[in-house]
Amino acid sequence: MESPIEDLEPIRLIIEGGDVRGWVRTQGQRMTDILQSGEPFSFLPAGADQTQWTEVFPDELVLVVPPPHVSPPTQRLPTNQHKVLIRASEYRLAGTAHLRPGEQDDPILRATRRFLPLTDATFGRDNEPDETAETVIVNLRRVSEFRTD
């Protein structure tokens, strides 16, 4: 049985050559966890009626501006905050990465974490002004440059 429309949360998905807005049902999960699973998730494009859900495959995504979410303290892991500059596909990003102790951008990070959330983020395409977002999740498999400040 479908949940009522009140259960929908806003999301923005950025893929190669496209930027779509719409709705998801996270059912209390963090969007990062949904993406990390690698399984397709349901997405309702903005302006569509409630029967036009589509499947989105996480590997196709470059960036995600997720719904607002505050994790319960029991789900939070100890992290070190690092200011980072990232290039993913044609996008440049800056923000704060919350990396676990000992974690850094290396093949092991990319093998164990497919998606990395950045907080207090700015992002934009080349030759376009930056946008800001509380959180942007970047697909590490689309990253060509990763620098810490």
N, C-alpha and C. Protein backbone atom coordinates (compact mmCIF):
# COMPACT_ATOMS: atom_id res chain seq x y z
N MET A 1 0.84 -1.19 0.00
CA MET A 1 0.00 0.00 0.00
C MET A 1 0.88 1.25 0.00
N GLU A 2 0.61 2.20 -0.87
CA GLU A 2 1.39 3.42 -0.97
C GLU A 2 1.14 4.32 0.24
N SER A 3 2.21 4.96 0.71
CA SER A 3 2.08 5.92 1.80
C SER A 3 1.48 7.20 1.26
N PRO A 4 0.87 7.99 2.12
CA PRO A 4 0.30 9.25 1.66
C PRO A 4 1.39 10.21 1.19
N ILE A 5 0.97 11.22 0.44
CA ILE A 5 1.91 12.20 -0.12
C ILE A 5 2.71 12.91 0.95
N GLU A 6 2.20 12.99 2.18
CA GLU A 6 2.93 13.65 3.27
C GLU A 6 4.24 12.94 3.58
N ASP A 7 4.40 11.68 3.20
CA ASP A 7 5.63 10.93 3.46
C ASP A 7 6.74 11.26 2.46
N LEU A 8 6.43 12.05 1.45
CA LEU A 8 7.42 12.36 0.42
C LEU A 8 8.38 13.44 0.90
N GLU A 9 9.64 13.29 0.53
CA GLU A 9 10.66 14.27 0.90
C GLU A 9 11.34 14.79 -0.36
N PRO A 10 11.68 16.08 -0.39
CA PRO A 10 12.28 16.67 -1.59
C PRO A 10 13.71 16.20 -1.79
N ILE A 11 14.09 16.04 -3.05
CA ILE A 11 15.45 15.61 -3.38
C ILE A 11 15.81 16.18 -4.75
N ARG A 12 17.09 16.38 -4.94
CA ARG A 12 17.61 16.84 -6.24
C ARG A 12 18.68 15.85 -6.67
N LEU A 13 18.56 15.32 -7.87
CA LEU A 13 19.49 14.34 -8.40
C LEU A 13 20.23 14.94 -9.58
N ILE A 14 21.55 14.86 -9.55
CA ILE A 14 22.35 15.38 -10.65
C ILE A 14 23.07 14.21 -11.29
N ILE A 15 22.78 14.02 -12.57
CA ILE A 15 23.39 12.96 -13.36
C ILE A 15 24.20 13.62 -14.47
N GLU A 16 24.95 12.82 -15.23
CA GLU A 16 25.69 13.37 -16.36
C GLU A 16 24.71 14.11 -17.27
N GLY A 17 24.92 15.39 -17.45
CA GLY A 17 24.11 16.17 -18.36
C GLY A 17 22.68 16.44 -17.91
N GLY A 18 22.37 16.22 -16.65
CA GLY A 18 21.00 16.46 -16.22
C GLY A 18 20.90 16.79 -14.74
N ASP A 19 19.82 17.45 -14.41
CA ASP A 19 19.57 17.89 -13.04
C ASP A 19 18.07 17.80 -12.85
N VAL A 20 17.62 16.87 -12.00
CA VAL A 20 16.18 16.69 -11.82
C VAL A 20 15.82 16.82 -10.34
N ARG A 21 14.65 17.36 -10.13
CA ARG A 21 14.13 17.52 -8.77
C ARG A 21 12.87 16.67 -8.65
N GLY A 22 12.63 16.25 -7.43
CA GLY A 22 11.45 15.45 -7.20
C GLY A 22 11.36 15.02 -5.76
N TRP A 23 10.85 13.80 -5.57
CA TRP A 23 10.50 13.34 -4.24
C TRP A 23 10.95 11.89 -4.04
N VAL A 24 11.27 11.57 -2.79
CA VAL A 24 11.58 10.19 -2.40
C VAL A 24 10.88 9.89 -1.08
N ARG A 25 10.83 8.62 -0.79
CA ARG A 25 10.38 8.16 0.54
C ARG A 25 11.58 7.49 1.19
N THR A 26 12.12 8.11 2.20
CA THR A 26 13.30 7.55 2.86
C THR A 26 12.92 6.61 4.01
N GLN A 27 11.71 6.71 4.47
CA GLN A 27 11.22 5.90 5.58
C GLN A 27 12.17 5.97 6.78
N GLY A 28 12.67 7.19 7.03
CA GLY A 28 13.52 7.43 8.19
C GLY A 28 14.99 7.11 7.98
N GLN A 29 15.35 6.56 6.82
CA GLN A 29 16.76 6.25 6.56
C GLN A 29 17.49 7.49 6.08
N ARG A 30 18.81 7.51 6.28
CA ARG A 30 19.63 8.56 5.70
C ARG A 30 19.77 8.27 4.22
N MET A 31 19.73 9.31 3.41
CA MET A 31 19.87 9.13 1.96
C MET A 31 21.23 8.53 1.62
N THR A 32 22.25 8.89 2.38
CA THR A 32 23.58 8.30 2.14
C THR A 32 23.53 6.78 2.28
N ASP A 33 22.82 6.28 3.29
CA ASP A 33 22.71 4.83 3.48
C ASP A 33 21.95 4.18 2.32
N ILE A 34 20.92 4.85 1.84
CA ILE A 34 20.15 4.32 0.70
C ILE A 34 21.07 4.22 -0.52
N LEU A 35 21.87 5.25 -0.76
CA LEU A 35 22.79 5.25 -1.89
C LEU A 35 23.89 4.20 -1.72
N GLN A 36 24.43 4.09 -0.52
CA GLN A 36 25.52 3.13 -0.26
C GLN A 36 25.10 1.69 -0.54
N SER A 37 23.82 1.40 -0.39
CA SER A 37 23.36 0.02 -0.61
C SER A 37 23.57 -0.40 -2.06
N GLY A 38 23.62 0.59 -2.97
CA GLY A 38 23.80 0.28 -4.38
C GLY A 38 22.54 -0.19 -5.08
N GLU A 39 21.47 -0.36 -4.33
CA GLU A 39 20.21 -0.82 -4.90
C GLU A 39 19.42 0.34 -5.48
N PRO A 40 18.68 0.11 -6.55
CA PRO A 40 17.83 1.19 -7.09
C PRO A 40 16.81 1.65 -6.05
N PHE A 41 16.47 2.93 -6.11
CA PHE A 41 15.45 3.46 -5.22
C PHE A 41 14.40 4.18 -6.07
N SER A 42 13.23 4.35 -5.49
CA SER A 42 12.11 4.97 -6.21
C SER A 42 12.18 6.49 -6.11
N PHE A 43 11.88 7.15 -7.23
CA PHE A 43 11.96 8.60 -7.34
C PHE A 43 10.72 9.07 -8.09
N LEU A 44 10.09 10.11 -7.57
CA LEU A 44 8.93 10.72 -8.21
C LEU A 44 9.35 12.09 -8.73
N PRO A 45 9.49 12.25 -10.07
CA PRO A 45 9.89 13.55 -10.60
C PRO A 45 8.87 14.64 -10.24
N ALA A 46 9.37 15.85 -10.00
CA ALA A 46 8.49 16.98 -9.71
C ALA A 46 7.52 17.16 -10.86
N GLY A 47 6.28 17.46 -10.54
CA GLY A 47 5.25 17.67 -11.55
C GLY A 47 4.56 16.41 -12.01
N ALA A 48 5.06 15.25 -11.61
CA ALA A 48 4.44 13.99 -12.02
C ALA A 48 3.31 13.63 -11.05
N ASP A 49 2.37 12.85 -11.56
CA ASP A 49 1.35 12.38 -10.61
C ASP A 49 1.93 11.20 -9.83
N GLN A 50 1.25 10.79 -8.79
CA GLN A 50 1.81 9.78 -7.88
C GLN A 50 1.96 8.40 -8.49
N THR A 51 1.58 8.22 -9.73
CA THR A 51 1.75 6.90 -10.35
C THR A 51 2.97 6.85 -11.26
N GLN A 52 3.72 7.94 -11.39
CA GLN A 52 4.86 8.00 -12.32
C GLN A 52 6.21 7.85 -11.63
N TRP A 53 6.30 6.95 -10.67
CA TRP A 53 7.56 6.69 -9.98
C TRP A 53 8.52 6.01 -10.96
N THR A 54 9.80 6.34 -10.82
CA THR A 54 10.83 5.70 -11.63
C THR A 54 11.90 5.14 -10.70
N GLU A 55 12.68 4.18 -11.21
CA GLU A 55 13.79 3.64 -10.45
C GLU A 55 15.05 4.40 -10.81
N VAL A 56 15.83 4.73 -9.80
CA VAL A 56 17.11 5.40 -10.00
C VAL A 56 18.20 4.47 -9.50
N PHE A 57 19.22 4.29 -10.33
CA PHE A 57 20.37 3.47 -9.95
C PHE A 57 21.45 4.39 -9.40
N PRO A 58 21.88 4.19 -8.16
CA PRO A 58 22.85 5.09 -7.54
C PRO A 58 24.12 5.33 -8.36
N ASP A 59 24.62 4.32 -9.05
CA ASP A 59 25.86 4.51 -9.81
C ASP A 59 25.71 5.52 -10.93
N GLU A 60 24.50 5.83 -11.37
CA GLU A 60 24.28 6.80 -12.43
C GLU A 60 24.37 8.24 -11.93
N LEU A 61 24.33 8.42 -10.64
CA LEU A 61 24.31 9.76 -10.04
C LEU A 61 25.71 10.34 -9.92
N VAL A 62 25.81 11.65 -10.07
CA VAL A 62 27.06 12.36 -9.80
C VAL A 62 26.96 13.01 -8.42
N LEU A 63 25.87 13.76 -8.20
CA LEU A 63 25.63 14.44 -6.92
C LEU A 63 24.17 14.27 -6.52
N VAL A 64 23.94 14.35 -5.23
CA VAL A 64 22.59 14.32 -4.69
C VAL A 64 22.48 15.41 -3.64
N VAL A 65 21.45 16.23 -3.76
CA VAL A 65 21.12 17.17 -2.68
C VAL A 65 19.94 16.51 -1.97
N PRO A 66 20.22 15.91 -0.80
CA PRO A 66 19.23 15.06 -0.14
C PRO A 66 18.19 15.86 0.64
N PRO A 67 17.13 15.15 1.06
CA PRO A 67 16.17 15.79 1.96
C PRO A 67 16.85 16.12 3.28
N PRO A 68 16.35 17.12 3.99
CA PRO A 68 16.92 17.41 5.32
C PRO A 68 16.77 16.18 6.22
N HIS A 69 17.80 15.91 7.01
CA HIS A 69 17.75 14.75 7.90
C HIS A 69 18.70 14.97 9.06
N VAL A 70 18.24 14.70 10.25
CA VAL A 70 19.10 14.73 11.43
C VAL A 70 19.14 13.30 11.97
N SER A 71 20.34 12.73 11.97
CA SER A 71 20.49 11.35 12.43
C SER A 71 20.37 11.27 13.93
N PRO A 72 19.73 10.22 14.41
CA PRO A 72 19.71 10.01 15.85
C PRO A 72 21.13 9.78 16.36
N PRO A 73 21.41 10.18 17.59
CA PRO A 73 22.77 10.01 18.12
C PRO A 73 23.30 8.58 18.01
N THR A 74 22.44 7.59 18.06
CA THR A 74 22.89 6.20 17.99
C THR A 74 23.43 5.84 16.61
N GLN A 75 23.09 6.60 15.57
CA GLN A 75 23.58 6.32 14.22
C GLN A 75 24.83 7.11 13.87
N ARG A 76 25.22 8.03 14.71
CA ARG A 76 26.38 8.87 14.41
C ARG A 76 27.67 8.17 14.82
N LEU A 77 28.65 8.23 13.92
CA LEU A 77 29.95 7.64 14.18
C LEU A 77 30.95 8.77 14.44
N PRO A 78 32.00 8.46 15.21
CA PRO A 78 33.01 9.50 15.41
C PRO A 78 33.71 9.81 14.08
N THR A 79 33.85 11.10 13.78
CA THR A 79 34.49 11.51 12.53
C THR A 79 35.41 12.69 12.76
N ASN A 80 36.32 12.86 11.82
CA ASN A 80 37.16 14.05 11.75
C ASN A 80 36.64 14.89 10.61
N GLN A 81 36.55 16.18 10.83
CA GLN A 81 36.04 17.08 9.80
C GLN A 81 37.21 17.64 8.99
N HIS A 82 37.07 17.55 7.66
CA HIS A 82 38.10 18.05 6.75
C HIS A 82 37.44 18.91 5.69
N LYS A 83 37.99 20.09 5.47
CA LYS A 83 37.56 20.91 4.34
C LYS A 83 38.12 20.26 3.08
N VAL A 84 37.26 20.06 2.09
CA VAL A 84 37.70 19.39 0.88
C VAL A 84 37.29 20.17 -0.36
N LEU A 85 38.06 19.98 -1.42
CA LEU A 85 37.74 20.47 -2.75
C LEU A 85 37.70 19.25 -3.65
N ILE A 86 36.61 19.11 -4.37
CA ILE A 86 36.40 17.90 -5.17
C ILE A 86 35.96 18.30 -6.57
N ARG A 87 36.41 17.53 -7.54
CA ARG A 87 35.88 17.63 -8.90
C ARG A 87 35.24 16.29 -9.20
N ALA A 88 33.96 16.35 -9.54
CA ALA A 88 33.19 15.15 -9.90
C ALA A 88 32.50 15.43 -11.22
N SER A 89 32.90 14.71 -12.24
CA SER A 89 32.38 14.95 -13.58
C SER A 89 32.66 16.41 -13.91
N GLU A 90 31.67 17.18 -14.34
CA GLU A 90 31.88 18.58 -14.68
C GLU A 90 31.59 19.53 -13.51
N TYR A 91 31.47 18.99 -12.31
CA TYR A 91 31.14 19.80 -11.13
C TYR A 91 32.36 19.98 -10.24
N ARG A 92 32.43 21.15 -9.64
CA ARG A 92 33.40 21.44 -8.60
C ARG A 92 32.62 21.59 -7.30
N LEU A 93 33.18 21.06 -6.23
CA LEU A 93 32.51 21.11 -4.93
C LEU A 93 33.51 21.53 -3.86
N ALA A 94 33.00 22.19 -2.85
CA ALA A 94 33.77 22.51 -1.66
C ALA A 94 32.84 22.29 -0.48
N GLY A 95 33.38 21.76 0.59
CA GLY A 95 32.56 21.53 1.77
C GLY A 95 33.34 20.81 2.84
N THR A 96 32.62 20.37 3.84
CA THR A 96 33.22 19.65 4.96
C THR A 96 32.88 18.17 4.84
N ALA A 97 33.94 17.36 4.72
CA ALA A 97 33.77 15.91 4.70
C ALA A 97 33.96 15.40 6.12
N HIS A 98 33.10 14.50 6.52
CA HIS A 98 33.18 13.90 7.85
C HIS A 98 33.76 12.50 7.67
N LEU A 99 35.09 12.41 7.78
CA LEU A 99 35.78 11.15 7.55
C LEU A 99 36.05 10.46 8.88
N ARG A 100 35.97 9.15 8.85
CA ARG A 100 36.27 8.38 10.05
C ARG A 100 37.77 8.50 10.34
N PRO A 101 38.16 8.35 11.60
CA PRO A 101 39.59 8.43 11.92
C PRO A 101 40.41 7.49 11.03
N GLY A 102 41.47 8.03 10.44
CA GLY A 102 42.34 7.24 9.57
C GLY A 102 41.89 7.18 8.12
N GLU A 103 40.68 7.65 7.84
CA GLU A 103 40.16 7.62 6.48
C GLU A 103 40.70 8.81 5.71
N GLN A 104 40.99 8.62 4.47
CA GLN A 104 41.41 9.68 3.58
C GLN A 104 40.99 9.29 2.18
N ASP A 105 41.19 10.19 1.23
CA ASP A 105 40.85 9.85 -0.15
C ASP A 105 41.92 8.92 -0.70
N ASP A 106 41.58 7.68 -0.80
CA ASP A 106 42.48 6.70 -1.39
C ASP A 106 41.61 5.56 -1.95
N PRO A 107 42.21 4.60 -2.61
CA PRO A 107 41.40 3.51 -3.18
C PRO A 107 40.56 2.77 -2.15
N ILE A 108 41.04 2.67 -0.92
CA ILE A 108 40.26 1.97 0.10
C ILE A 108 38.99 2.74 0.43
N LEU A 109 39.10 4.08 0.56
CA LEU A 109 37.90 4.89 0.82
C LEU A 109 36.89 4.68 -0.30
N ARG A 110 37.34 4.75 -1.52
CA ARG A 110 36.42 4.62 -2.65
C ARG A 110 35.84 3.21 -2.75
N ALA A 111 36.56 2.22 -2.26
CA ALA A 111 36.05 0.85 -2.29
C ALA A 111 35.03 0.61 -1.18
N THR A 112 35.20 1.28 -0.05
CA THR A 112 34.31 1.03 1.09
C THR A 112 33.17 2.03 1.18
N ARG A 113 33.36 3.22 0.65
CA ARG A 113 32.31 4.25 0.68
C ARG A 113 32.12 4.75 -0.74
N ARG A 114 31.02 4.41 -1.30
CA ARG A 114 30.74 4.85 -2.67
C ARG A 114 30.26 6.28 -2.71
N PHE A 115 29.65 6.74 -1.62
CA PHE A 115 29.08 8.09 -1.57
C PHE A 115 29.58 8.79 -0.32
N LEU A 116 29.94 10.06 -0.49
CA LEU A 116 30.47 10.84 0.63
C LEU A 116 29.65 12.11 0.78
N PRO A 117 29.00 12.29 1.93
CA PRO A 117 28.26 13.55 2.15
C PRO A 117 29.22 14.67 2.54
N LEU A 118 28.95 15.84 1.99
CA LEU A 118 29.66 17.05 2.37
C LEU A 118 28.65 18.00 2.98
N THR A 119 29.00 18.59 4.11
CA THR A 119 28.11 19.56 4.74
C THR A 119 28.63 20.97 4.45
N ASP A 120 27.75 21.96 4.63
CA ASP A 120 28.09 23.35 4.33
C ASP A 120 28.77 23.44 2.97
N ALA A 121 28.11 22.88 1.98
CA ALA A 121 28.72 22.69 0.66
C ALA A 121 28.35 23.78 -0.33
N THR A 122 29.27 24.00 -1.25
CA THR A 122 29.01 24.78 -2.46
C THR A 122 29.34 23.88 -3.64
N PHE A 123 28.60 24.05 -4.73
CA PHE A 123 28.86 23.24 -5.91
C PHE A 123 28.40 23.99 -7.14
N GLY A 124 28.99 23.67 -8.25
CA GLY A 124 28.61 24.29 -9.50
C GLY A 124 29.36 23.69 -10.66
N ARG A 125 28.82 23.91 -11.84
CA ARG A 125 29.50 23.50 -13.07
C ARG A 125 30.51 24.57 -13.45
N ASP A 126 31.46 24.16 -14.28
CA ASP A 126 32.41 25.14 -14.80
C ASP A 126 31.65 26.29 -15.45
N ASN A 127 32.15 27.51 -15.26
CA ASN A 127 31.59 28.72 -15.86
C ASN A 127 30.16 29.04 -15.41
N GLU A 128 29.72 28.47 -14.31
CA GLU A 128 28.41 28.80 -13.73
C GLU A 128 28.62 29.18 -12.28
N PRO A 129 27.76 30.03 -11.74
CA PRO A 129 27.92 30.41 -10.33
C PRO A 129 27.68 29.22 -9.40
N ASP A 130 28.33 29.26 -8.26
CA ASP A 130 28.15 28.21 -7.25
C ASP A 130 26.79 28.31 -6.59
N GLU A 131 26.29 27.17 -6.17
CA GLU A 131 25.10 27.08 -5.35
C GLU A 131 25.53 26.57 -3.98
N THR A 132 24.72 26.85 -2.98
CA THR A 132 25.01 26.34 -1.64
C THR A 132 23.94 25.34 -1.24
N ALA A 133 24.34 24.41 -0.38
CA ALA A 133 23.40 23.43 0.16
C ALA A 133 23.92 22.99 1.52
N GLU A 134 22.98 22.69 2.40
CA GLU A 134 23.37 22.18 3.71
C GLU A 134 24.19 20.90 3.56
N THR A 135 23.74 20.02 2.66
CA THR A 135 24.43 18.77 2.40
C THR A 135 24.38 18.45 0.92
N VAL A 136 25.50 17.97 0.39
CA VAL A 136 25.57 17.42 -0.96
C VAL A 136 26.29 16.09 -0.84
N ILE A 137 25.72 15.07 -1.44
CA ILE A 137 26.34 13.75 -1.42
C ILE A 137 26.99 13.52 -2.79
N VAL A 138 28.28 13.19 -2.77
CA VAL A 138 29.03 13.01 -4.01
C VAL A 138 29.32 11.53 -4.24
N ASN A 139 29.15 11.10 -5.48
CA ASN A 139 29.47 9.73 -5.88
C ASN A 139 30.98 9.67 -6.06
N LEU A 140 31.68 8.98 -5.16
CA LEU A 140 33.14 8.93 -5.20
C LEU A 140 33.66 8.25 -6.46
N ARG A 141 32.84 7.46 -7.11
CA ARG A 141 33.28 6.81 -8.35
C ARG A 141 33.28 7.78 -9.53
N ARG A 142 32.74 8.97 -9.34
CA ARG A 142 32.72 10.00 -10.38
C ARG A 142 33.77 11.10 -10.10
N VAL A 143 34.56 10.92 -9.05
CA VAL A 143 35.51 11.94 -8.63
C VAL A 143 36.83 11.79 -9.39
N SER A 144 37.30 12.91 -9.95
CA SER A 144 38.60 12.92 -10.64
C SER A 144 39.65 13.67 -9.84
N GLU A 145 39.21 14.48 -8.86
CA GLU A 145 40.14 15.23 -8.03
C GLU A 145 39.55 15.35 -6.62
N PHE A 146 40.39 15.15 -5.62
CA PHE A 146 39.97 15.21 -4.22
C PHE A 146 41.12 15.80 -3.43
N ARG A 147 40.93 17.03 -2.91
CA ARG A 147 41.97 17.68 -2.14
C ARG A 147 41.42 18.10 -0.78
N THR A 148 42.26 17.98 0.22
CA THR A 148 41.88 18.49 1.54
C THR A 148 42.63 19.79 1.76
N ASP A 149 41.96 20.71 2.43
CA ASP A 149 42.60 22.01 2.76
C ASP A 149 43.33 21.90 4.06
